[in-house]
């Protein structure tokens, strides 16, 4: 299901990754990170898809909220594990959403 977001402006953090190997430990950590992020002040939602590459877009009220999430201890540890064990490559982009619209049938 797609996330229902407020009217812009807000921020999107786009995380695109390539796994070395998808393990149970990775999957459990990904679920935990989504649960923890949802409790962070300023979190608006997340959408994710994985096939050959993974794409996760999280939405935030402000750059300060994004920075607080980056510095959250469990998230910092998960990023370290990602670099050491799970990802062969990743990119992260932070974008300001200034306009948005959707379509529903």
N, C-alpha and C. Protein backbone atom coordinates (compact mmCIF):
# COMPACT_ATOMS: atom_id res chain seq x y z
N UNK A 1 0.84 -1.18 0.00
CA UNK A 1 0.00 0.00 0.00
C UNK A 1 0.88 1.25 0.00
N UNK A 2 0.47 2.23 -0.73
CA UNK A 2 1.21 3.48 -0.80
C UNK A 2 0.90 4.34 0.41
N UNK A 3 1.88 5.12 0.82
CA UNK A 3 1.76 5.97 1.99
C UNK A 3 0.90 7.19 1.67
N UNK A 4 0.00 7.55 2.56
CA UNK A 4 -0.76 8.79 2.46
C UNK A 4 0.07 9.89 3.11
N UNK A 5 0.45 10.88 2.32
CA UNK A 5 1.35 11.93 2.79
C UNK A 5 0.63 13.26 2.88
N UNK A 6 1.15 14.17 3.71
CA UNK A 6 0.55 15.50 3.79
C UNK A 6 0.88 16.31 2.54
N UNK A 7 0.28 17.46 2.42
CA UNK A 7 0.63 18.35 1.33
C UNK A 7 2.08 18.79 1.48
N UNK A 8 2.81 18.93 0.36
CA UNK A 8 4.19 19.41 0.43
C UNK A 8 4.25 20.82 1.01
N UNK A 9 5.41 21.22 1.48
CA UNK A 9 6.69 20.54 1.33
C UNK A 9 6.97 19.53 2.44
N UNK A 10 7.75 18.51 2.09
CA UNK A 10 8.30 17.54 3.01
C UNK A 10 9.53 16.95 2.32
N UNK A 11 10.19 16.03 2.96
CA UNK A 11 11.43 15.48 2.41
C UNK A 11 11.30 13.99 2.16
N UNK A 12 11.99 13.54 1.12
CA UNK A 12 12.07 12.12 0.79
C UNK A 12 13.53 11.70 0.84
N UNK A 13 13.79 10.60 1.53
CA UNK A 13 15.12 10.00 1.55
C UNK A 13 15.03 8.74 0.69
N UNK A 14 15.76 8.74 -0.42
CA UNK A 14 15.72 7.63 -1.36
C UNK A 14 16.98 6.79 -1.16
N UNK A 15 16.78 5.55 -0.73
CA UNK A 15 17.88 4.62 -0.47
C UNK A 15 17.78 3.49 -1.48
N UNK A 16 18.76 3.41 -2.37
CA UNK A 16 18.81 2.38 -3.40
C UNK A 16 19.99 1.48 -3.09
N UNK A 17 19.77 0.16 -3.08
CA UNK A 17 20.84 -0.74 -2.64
C UNK A 17 20.89 -2.02 -3.46
N UNK A 18 22.06 -2.61 -3.43
CA UNK A 18 22.28 -3.93 -4.02
C UNK A 18 22.85 -4.82 -2.92
N UNK A 19 22.13 -5.88 -2.61
CA UNK A 19 22.57 -6.80 -1.56
C UNK A 19 23.62 -7.77 -2.07
N UNK A 20 24.55 -8.12 -1.19
CA UNK A 20 25.47 -9.21 -1.47
C UNK A 20 24.69 -10.52 -1.39
N UNK A 21 23.91 -10.67 -0.30
CA UNK A 21 23.10 -11.85 -0.07
C UNK A 21 22.02 -11.48 0.93
N UNK A 22 20.78 -11.80 0.62
CA UNK A 22 19.69 -11.50 1.54
C UNK A 22 19.61 -12.60 2.58
N UNK A 23 19.82 -12.22 3.83
CA UNK A 23 19.81 -13.18 4.92
C UNK A 23 18.64 -12.90 5.84
N UNK A 24 18.35 -13.85 6.70
CA UNK A 24 17.30 -13.65 7.70
C UNK A 24 17.66 -12.48 8.59
N UNK A 25 18.94 -12.37 8.95
CA UNK A 25 19.40 -11.26 9.79
C UNK A 25 19.12 -9.91 9.11
N UNK A 26 19.37 -9.83 7.82
CA UNK A 26 19.10 -8.59 7.08
C UNK A 26 17.60 -8.28 7.11
N UNK A 27 16.79 -9.26 6.79
CA UNK A 27 15.34 -9.06 6.74
C UNK A 27 14.78 -8.62 8.09
N UNK A 28 15.24 -9.25 9.17
CA UNK A 28 14.79 -8.88 10.51
C UNK A 28 15.22 -7.46 10.86
N UNK A 29 16.43 -7.10 10.47
CA UNK A 29 16.93 -5.74 10.74
C UNK A 29 16.13 -4.71 9.95
N UNK A 30 15.80 -5.02 8.71
CA UNK A 30 15.01 -4.10 7.89
C UNK A 30 13.64 -3.84 8.51
N UNK A 31 13.00 -4.89 9.01
CA UNK A 31 11.70 -4.74 9.68
C UNK A 31 11.85 -3.89 10.93
N UNK A 32 12.88 -4.16 11.72
CA UNK A 32 13.12 -3.39 12.94
C UNK A 32 13.38 -1.92 12.62
N UNK A 33 14.15 -1.64 11.58
CA UNK A 33 14.44 -0.25 11.22
C UNK A 33 13.17 0.49 10.83
N UNK A 34 12.28 -0.18 10.11
CA UNK A 34 11.02 0.47 9.75
C UNK A 34 10.18 0.75 10.99
N UNK A 35 10.15 -0.19 11.93
CA UNK A 35 9.41 0.03 13.18
C UNK A 35 9.99 1.19 13.98
N UNK A 36 11.32 1.22 14.09
CA UNK A 36 11.97 2.30 14.84
C UNK A 36 11.78 3.65 14.15
N UNK A 37 11.92 3.69 12.84
CA UNK A 37 11.75 4.94 12.10
C UNK A 37 10.34 5.49 12.31
N UNK A 38 9.36 4.60 12.34
CA UNK A 38 7.97 5.05 12.49
C UNK A 38 7.72 5.73 13.83
N UNK A 39 8.61 5.49 14.80
CA UNK A 39 8.48 6.11 16.12
C UNK A 39 9.25 7.42 16.24
N UNK A 40 10.05 7.74 15.22
CA UNK A 40 10.86 8.96 15.24
C UNK A 40 9.97 10.19 15.00
N UNK A 41 10.24 11.24 15.72
CA UNK A 41 9.54 12.50 15.48
C UNK A 41 9.84 12.96 14.06
N UNK A 42 8.80 13.37 13.35
CA UNK A 42 8.96 13.87 11.99
C UNK A 42 8.83 12.83 10.90
N UNK A 43 8.67 11.56 11.27
CA UNK A 43 8.51 10.48 10.29
C UNK A 43 7.11 10.54 9.69
N UNK A 44 7.03 10.44 8.36
CA UNK A 44 5.73 10.51 7.69
C UNK A 44 5.31 9.18 7.06
N UNK A 45 6.28 8.33 6.73
CA UNK A 45 5.94 7.05 6.10
C UNK A 45 7.11 6.49 5.32
N UNK A 46 6.91 5.27 4.82
CA UNK A 46 7.96 4.60 4.04
C UNK A 46 7.32 3.71 2.99
N UNK A 47 7.99 3.61 1.86
CA UNK A 47 7.60 2.70 0.78
C UNK A 47 8.86 1.97 0.34
N UNK A 48 8.73 0.68 0.03
CA UNK A 48 9.91 -0.10 -0.30
C UNK A 48 9.58 -1.19 -1.30
N UNK A 49 10.56 -1.49 -2.16
CA UNK A 49 10.42 -2.58 -3.12
C UNK A 49 11.79 -3.23 -3.30
N UNK A 50 11.80 -4.53 -3.44
CA UNK A 50 13.06 -5.23 -3.65
C UNK A 50 12.87 -6.30 -4.70
N UNK A 51 13.77 -6.28 -5.66
CA UNK A 51 13.87 -7.35 -6.64
C UNK A 51 15.36 -7.53 -6.87
N UNK A 52 15.89 -7.14 -8.01
CA UNK A 52 17.33 -7.19 -8.23
C UNK A 52 18.04 -6.12 -7.40
N UNK A 53 17.39 -4.97 -7.29
CA UNK A 53 17.88 -3.91 -6.41
C UNK A 53 16.78 -3.56 -5.43
N UNK A 54 17.16 -2.95 -4.33
CA UNK A 54 16.18 -2.49 -3.35
C UNK A 54 16.04 -0.99 -3.43
N UNK A 55 14.83 -0.51 -3.32
CA UNK A 55 14.56 0.92 -3.29
C UNK A 55 13.63 1.18 -2.11
N UNK A 56 14.08 1.99 -1.19
CA UNK A 56 13.27 2.38 -0.05
C UNK A 56 13.21 3.89 -0.01
N UNK A 57 12.00 4.42 0.05
CA UNK A 57 11.82 5.86 0.16
C UNK A 57 11.12 6.13 1.49
N UNK A 58 11.81 6.88 2.33
CA UNK A 58 11.18 7.29 3.59
C UNK A 58 10.87 8.78 3.49
N UNK A 59 9.81 9.18 4.16
CA UNK A 59 9.33 10.56 4.08
C UNK A 59 9.41 11.21 5.45
N UNK A 60 9.84 12.47 5.46
CA UNK A 60 10.11 13.18 6.71
C UNK A 60 9.64 14.62 6.64
N UNK A 61 9.30 15.16 7.81
CA UNK A 61 8.83 16.54 7.90
C UNK A 61 9.94 17.55 7.68
N UNK A 62 11.18 17.20 8.07
CA UNK A 62 12.25 18.20 8.05
C UNK A 62 13.62 17.54 7.92
N UNK A 63 14.60 18.36 7.59
CA UNK A 63 15.98 17.89 7.56
C UNK A 63 16.46 17.52 8.96
N UNK A 64 15.99 18.23 9.97
CA UNK A 64 16.34 17.89 11.35
C UNK A 64 15.84 16.50 11.73
N UNK A 65 14.64 16.14 11.28
CA UNK A 65 14.10 14.81 11.57
C UNK A 65 14.94 13.73 10.88
N UNK A 66 15.38 14.01 9.67
CA UNK A 66 16.25 13.06 8.94
C UNK A 66 17.57 12.89 9.68
N UNK A 67 18.14 13.99 10.12
CA UNK A 67 19.41 13.94 10.86
C UNK A 67 19.26 13.15 12.16
N UNK A 68 18.16 13.37 12.87
CA UNK A 68 17.92 12.64 14.11
C UNK A 68 17.82 11.14 13.83
N UNK A 69 17.16 10.75 12.74
CA UNK A 69 17.07 9.34 12.39
C UNK A 69 18.45 8.78 12.04
N UNK A 70 19.24 9.55 11.30
CA UNK A 70 20.59 9.10 10.96
C UNK A 70 21.40 8.82 12.22
N UNK A 71 21.24 9.64 13.25
CA UNK A 71 22.02 9.52 14.47
C UNK A 71 21.42 8.57 15.50
N UNK A 72 20.25 7.99 15.23
CA UNK A 72 19.63 7.04 16.16
C UNK A 72 20.56 5.82 16.28
N UNK A 73 20.83 5.39 17.51
CA UNK A 73 21.86 4.38 17.77
C UNK A 73 21.65 3.07 17.02
N UNK A 74 20.44 2.51 17.06
CA UNK A 74 20.19 1.24 16.37
C UNK A 74 20.34 1.40 14.86
N UNK A 75 19.91 2.53 14.35
CA UNK A 75 20.04 2.79 12.91
C UNK A 75 21.51 2.93 12.53
N UNK A 76 22.30 3.59 13.36
CA UNK A 76 23.74 3.71 13.11
C UNK A 76 24.40 2.33 13.05
N UNK A 77 24.02 1.45 13.98
CA UNK A 77 24.56 0.09 13.98
C UNK A 77 24.13 -0.67 12.73
N UNK A 78 22.88 -0.53 12.33
CA UNK A 78 22.38 -1.22 11.13
C UNK A 78 23.13 -0.73 9.88
N UNK A 79 23.41 0.57 9.80
CA UNK A 79 24.18 1.09 8.66
C UNK A 79 25.58 0.48 8.64
N UNK A 80 26.20 0.36 9.80
CA UNK A 80 27.53 -0.25 9.90
C UNK A 80 27.48 -1.71 9.42
N UNK A 81 26.48 -2.45 9.85
CA UNK A 81 26.32 -3.84 9.41
C UNK A 81 26.10 -3.92 7.91
N UNK A 82 25.32 -2.97 7.38
CA UNK A 82 25.08 -2.94 5.95
C UNK A 82 26.36 -2.80 5.16
N UNK A 83 27.21 -1.88 5.59
CA UNK A 83 28.48 -1.67 4.90
C UNK A 83 29.41 -2.88 5.04
N UNK A 84 29.40 -3.51 6.21
CA UNK A 84 30.31 -4.62 6.46
C UNK A 84 29.83 -5.95 5.89
N UNK A 85 28.50 -6.19 5.88
CA UNK A 85 28.01 -7.53 5.58
C UNK A 85 26.99 -7.64 4.44
N UNK A 86 26.10 -6.66 4.30
CA UNK A 86 24.94 -6.89 3.45
C UNK A 86 24.98 -6.26 2.08
N UNK A 87 25.54 -5.08 1.94
CA UNK A 87 25.46 -4.34 0.68
C UNK A 87 26.75 -4.40 -0.12
N UNK A 88 26.61 -4.62 -1.42
CA UNK A 88 27.76 -4.45 -2.32
C UNK A 88 27.83 -3.00 -2.78
N UNK A 89 26.68 -2.31 -2.72
CA UNK A 89 26.61 -0.92 -3.17
C UNK A 89 25.31 -0.31 -2.65
N UNK A 90 25.36 0.99 -2.32
CA UNK A 90 24.11 1.71 -2.07
C UNK A 90 24.31 3.19 -2.36
N UNK A 91 23.21 3.86 -2.63
CA UNK A 91 23.20 5.31 -2.77
C UNK A 91 22.06 5.85 -1.92
N UNK A 92 22.25 7.06 -1.44
CA UNK A 92 21.23 7.71 -0.64
C UNK A 92 21.08 9.14 -1.16
N UNK A 93 19.85 9.54 -1.37
CA UNK A 93 19.56 10.89 -1.84
C UNK A 93 18.50 11.49 -0.94
N UNK A 94 18.67 12.75 -0.60
CA UNK A 94 17.69 13.47 0.19
C UNK A 94 17.11 14.56 -0.71
N UNK A 95 15.79 14.53 -0.87
CA UNK A 95 15.12 15.43 -1.80
C UNK A 95 14.00 16.19 -1.08
N UNK A 96 13.83 17.43 -1.44
CA UNK A 96 12.70 18.19 -0.94
C UNK A 96 11.55 18.04 -1.94
N UNK A 97 10.43 17.57 -1.45
CA UNK A 97 9.24 17.43 -2.29
C UNK A 97 8.48 18.74 -2.23
N UNK A 98 8.37 19.39 -3.37
CA UNK A 98 7.69 20.68 -3.42
C UNK A 98 6.31 20.59 -4.04
N UNK A 99 6.09 19.52 -4.80
CA UNK A 99 4.79 19.31 -5.42
C UNK A 99 4.55 17.83 -5.53
N UNK A 100 3.33 17.39 -5.32
CA UNK A 100 3.00 15.97 -5.41
C UNK A 100 1.54 15.81 -5.80
N UNK A 101 1.24 14.78 -6.53
CA UNK A 101 -0.14 14.44 -6.86
C UNK A 101 -0.22 12.94 -7.06
N UNK A 102 -1.43 12.40 -7.07
CA UNK A 102 -1.59 10.98 -7.25
C UNK A 102 -2.80 10.68 -8.12
N UNK A 103 -2.95 9.42 -8.45
CA UNK A 103 -4.08 8.92 -9.24
C UNK A 103 -4.59 7.66 -8.58
N UNK A 104 -5.89 7.54 -8.48
CA UNK A 104 -6.51 6.33 -7.96
C UNK A 104 -7.65 5.95 -8.89
N UNK A 105 -7.74 4.69 -9.23
CA UNK A 105 -8.81 4.20 -10.07
C UNK A 105 -9.93 3.67 -9.23
